[in-house]
Amino acid sequence: MEIPFFKNMLKDYPKFWEEYLSHFENKQDLNRYVIFDLEITGLDVENDRILSISAIGANENTVLISDFIELFIEQSIFNPESVPYHGILKEGKEEKVVEAEAIIQFLNFIKNATLVGHNIDSDIEMINHALGRLNVGKLKNQYMDINIMYQKLKDLPENHYTSLDELCDIYKIRKTERHTSSGDSYIMSLIFLKLKRKLGI
């Protein structure tokens, strides 16, 4: 007799998800960081969608320019009001992939690295909702937020928010390609390494 409860526990996951999970069978690679950024149609995780994903790798003290991925996603949902912020048009010239393919490529890229972002909880939540649409689990990676790192460095209250533009000004980093996922991920990687050194992490 087959018991439904145990049948559900033995659910077969897609190959891409099994490969992603396999990276966590051993100790997480704490020497590889992936700094990533999303451009999205809005802040409603249920109804808005990811427009682009960019991620760049780093080790203990170096941004790895060659360790980079940038993905543009076909827009099933389009919010013209958000275009001035990210510049991504529904019929733009960028080569686009469907959301599922973008998420799979992102997982293949990050593996078990520590993820880094700015206000990263919202980006993690957007990725997790996209994973939910693929009927798999949530991200397993540890992650760090450069806003929280700056709070700790300056002994600021937990509700203190420092924008990415403000952090660029503080650390004298050029705001090249701001409000593009590729530009923001690179800017964040530079800020991250500065904060990491100052915090002695």
Protein backbone atom coordinates (compact mmCIF):
# COMPACT_ATOMS: atom_id res chain seq x y z
CA MET A 1 0.00 0.00 0.00
CA GLU A 2 1.39 3.40 -0.98
CA ILE A 3 1.04 6.11 1.66
CA PRO A 4 0.43 9.58 0.07
CA PHE A 5 2.51 11.38 2.72
CA PHE A 6 5.64 9.40 1.87
CA LYS A 7 4.92 9.67 -1.85
CA ASN A 8 5.02 13.47 -1.52
CA MET A 9 8.29 13.29 0.41
CA LEU A 10 9.86 11.36 -2.46
CA LYS A 11 8.87 13.94 -5.08
CA ASP A 12 11.12 13.94 -8.12
CA TYR A 13 12.66 17.35 -8.74
CA PRO A 14 13.86 18.60 -12.15
CA LYS A 15 17.47 17.84 -12.99
CA PHE A 16 18.55 21.51 -12.72
CA TRP A 17 17.28 21.66 -9.12
CA GLU A 18 18.95 18.40 -8.14
CA GLU A 19 22.23 19.71 -9.59
CA TYR A 20 21.85 22.95 -7.62
CA LEU A 21 21.17 21.05 -4.39
CA SER A 22 24.17 18.80 -5.00
CA HIS A 23 26.48 21.79 -4.42
CA PHE A 24 25.32 21.88 -0.80
CA GLU A 25 26.11 18.25 -0.05
CA ASN A 26 29.54 19.38 1.09
CA LYS A 27 30.50 22.48 3.06
CA GLN A 28 29.50 25.74 1.36
CA ASP A 29 32.28 27.49 -0.55
CA LEU A 30 32.87 30.48 1.71
CA ASN A 31 35.69 31.78 -0.51
CA ARG A 32 33.41 32.61 -3.44
CA TYR A 33 30.98 35.48 -3.32
CA VAL A 34 28.42 36.33 -5.98
CA ILE A 35 27.21 39.92 -5.99
CA PHE A 36 23.94 40.15 -7.88
CA ASP A 37 21.21 42.60 -8.80
CA LEU A 38 17.78 42.39 -10.37
CA GLU A 39 15.82 44.86 -12.43
CA ILE A 40 12.11 44.27 -11.88
CA THR A 41 8.75 45.57 -13.08
CA GLY A 42 7.75 46.61 -9.54
CA LEU A 43 7.87 45.65 -5.88
CA ASP A 44 4.87 43.29 -5.74
CA VAL A 45 6.51 39.85 -5.52
CA GLU A 46 3.25 38.10 -6.35
CA ASN A 47 2.45 40.00 -9.52
CA ASP A 48 5.62 41.75 -10.70
CA ARG A 49 8.39 40.00 -12.61
CA ILE A 50 12.15 40.04 -13.05
CA LEU A 51 13.39 41.91 -16.13
CA SER A 52 17.11 41.20 -15.85
CA ILE A 53 19.62 39.45 -13.61
CA SER A 54 23.30 40.32 -13.40
CA ALA A 55 25.83 38.66 -11.15
CA ILE A 56 29.58 38.94 -10.71
CA GLY A 57 31.94 36.74 -8.73
CA ALA A 58 34.51 37.78 -6.17
CA ASN A 59 36.97 36.03 -3.91
CA GLU A 60 38.42 37.22 -0.61
CA ASN A 61 39.76 40.51 -1.98
CA THR A 62 39.20 40.72 -5.75
CA VAL A 63 36.30 41.27 -8.11
CA LEU A 64 36.51 38.60 -10.81
CA ILE A 65 35.49 40.44 -13.97
CA SER A 66 35.54 37.26 -16.07
CA ASP A 67 33.17 35.53 -13.59
CA PHE A 68 30.06 37.34 -14.78
CA ILE A 69 26.58 36.64 -16.08
CA GLU A 70 23.88 38.96 -17.43
CA LEU A 71 20.42 37.75 -18.43
CA PHE A 72 17.46 39.62 -19.91
CA ILE A 73 14.04 38.04 -19.54
CA GLU A 74 11.09 38.04 -21.93
CA GLN A 75 8.45 40.31 -20.45
CA SER A 76 5.13 38.60 -19.89
CA ILE A 77 4.27 41.55 -17.64
CA PHE A 78 5.22 45.06 -18.73
CA ASN A 79 5.05 48.20 -16.62
CA PRO A 80 5.91 51.24 -18.77
CA GLU A 81 6.16 53.43 -15.65
CA SER A 82 9.28 51.54 -14.53
CA VAL A 83 11.18 52.01 -17.83
CA PRO A 84 12.82 55.33 -16.80
CA TYR A 85 14.47 53.52 -13.87
CA HIS A 86 15.90 50.49 -15.68
CA GLY A 87 15.75 51.39 -19.38
CA ILE A 88 14.58 47.93 -20.46
CA LEU A 89 11.94 48.03 -23.18
CA LYS A 90 9.50 45.20 -23.85
CA GLU A 91 10.72 44.94 -27.44
CA GLY A 92 14.27 46.11 -26.73
CA LYS A 93 17.34 44.97 -28.65
CA GLU A 94 18.69 42.79 -25.83
CA GLU A 95 18.64 39.05 -26.44
CA LYS A 96 16.04 37.67 -24.05
CA VAL A 97 15.27 34.27 -22.58
CA VAL A 98 12.16 33.00 -20.81
CA GLU A 99 12.09 33.33 -17.02
CA ALA A 100 12.63 29.62 -16.39
CA GLU A 101 15.81 29.55 -18.49
CA ALA A 102 17.16 32.67 -16.76
CA ILE A 103 16.59 31.19 -13.30
CA ILE A 104 18.27 27.91 -14.29
CA GLN A 105 21.30 29.76 -15.66
CA PHE A 106 21.45 31.86 -12.48
CA LEU A 107 21.47 28.73 -10.29
CA ASN A 108 24.16 27.15 -12.46
CA PHE A 109 26.25 30.30 -11.99
CA ILE A 110 25.89 30.86 -8.25
CA LYS A 111 26.19 27.22 -7.15
CA ASN A 112 26.79 27.36 -3.38
CA ALA A 113 28.51 30.76 -3.23
CA THR A 114 27.62 33.36 -0.62
CA LEU A 115 25.26 35.86 -2.25
CA VAL A 116 25.69 39.61 -1.78
CA GLY A 117 23.34 42.46 -2.59
CA HIS A 118 21.88 45.77 -1.48
CA ASN A 119 18.50 45.43 0.21
CA ILE A 120 19.00 41.81 -0.75
CA ASP A 121 15.93 40.38 1.01
CA SER A 122 13.63 41.74 -1.70
CA ASP A 123 15.80 40.27 -4.49
CA ILE A 124 15.95 36.90 -2.73
CA GLU A 125 12.17 36.96 -2.39
CA MET A 126 11.73 37.71 -6.11
CA ILE A 127 14.03 34.81 -7.03
CA ASN A 128 12.21 32.49 -4.62
CA HIS A 129 8.85 33.36 -6.18
CA ALA A 130 10.29 32.59 -9.62
CA LEU A 131 11.53 29.26 -8.25
CA GLY A 132 8.05 28.61 -6.88
CA ARG A 133 6.66 28.98 -10.39
CA LEU A 134 9.02 26.15 -11.37
CA ASN A 135 7.67 23.99 -8.52
CA VAL A 136 10.96 23.72 -6.67
CA GLY A 137 12.28 24.99 -3.34
CA LYS A 138 13.90 28.23 -2.23
CA LEU A 139 17.50 29.42 -2.49
CA LYS A 140 19.82 27.64 -0.05
CA ASN A 141 22.75 30.06 -0.23
CA GLN A 142 23.92 32.16 2.66
CA TYR A 143 23.71 35.86 1.83
CA MET A 144 24.99 39.25 2.96
CA ASP A 145 23.57 42.77 2.60
CA ILE A 146 25.93 45.70 2.08
CA ASN A 147 23.41 48.03 3.76
CA ILE A 148 23.60 45.89 6.92
CA MET A 149 27.38 45.71 6.64
CA TYR A 150 27.51 49.51 6.60
CA GLN A 151 25.16 49.65 9.60
CA LYS A 152 27.55 47.43 11.55
CA LEU A 153 30.61 49.39 10.48
CA LYS A 154 29.11 52.72 11.60
CA ASP A 155 27.12 51.29 14.54
CA LEU A 156 23.88 52.50 13.01
CA PRO A 157 20.40 51.36 14.06
CA GLU A 158 18.87 48.41 12.19
CA ASN A 159 16.23 50.61 10.58
CA HIS A 160 18.82 52.98 9.11
CA TYR A 161 18.87 52.72 5.32
CA THR A 162 21.81 53.90 3.23
CA SER A 163 21.04 54.01 -0.49
CA LEU A 164 23.39 52.65 -3.11
CA ASP A 165 23.95 56.19 -4.41
CA GLU A 166 24.93 57.32 -0.92
CA LEU A 167 27.35 54.42 -0.55
CA CYS A 168 28.89 55.33 -3.92
CA ASP A 169 29.43 58.88 -2.68
CA ILE A 170 30.86 57.72 0.65
CA TYR A 171 33.38 55.37 -0.99
CA LYS A 172 34.00 57.57 -4.05
CA ILE A 173 32.82 55.00 -6.57
CA ARG A 174 31.68 56.21 -10.00
CA LYS A 175 28.00 55.61 -10.67
CA THR A 176 28.61 54.09 -14.09
CA GLU A 177 25.56 52.31 -15.52
CA ARG A 178 23.47 52.96 -12.40
CA HIS A 179 19.99 51.42 -12.51
CA THR A 180 21.14 48.63 -14.81
CA SER A 181 21.57 45.24 -13.19
CA SER A 182 25.09 44.86 -14.62
CA GLY A 183 26.18 48.33 -13.50
CA ASP A 184 24.69 47.95 -10.04
CA SER A 185 26.18 44.49 -9.46
CA TYR A 186 29.65 45.80 -10.33
CA ILE A 187 29.25 48.88 -8.13
CA MET A 188 28.03 46.70 -5.26
CA SER A 189 30.99 44.36 -5.66
CA LEU A 190 33.42 47.27 -5.16
CA ILE A 191 31.52 48.54 -2.11
CA PHE A 192 31.28 45.02 -0.70
CA LEU A 193 35.03 44.43 -0.79
CA LYS A 194 35.68 47.82 0.84
CA LEU A 195 33.23 47.05 3.64
CA LYS A 196 34.53 43.51 4.00
CA ARG A 197 38.08 44.78 4.55
CA LYS A 198 36.97 47.47 7.00
CA LEU A 199 34.93 44.95 9.00
CA GLY A 200 37.76 42.41 8.97
CA ILE A 201 35.56 39.69 7.52
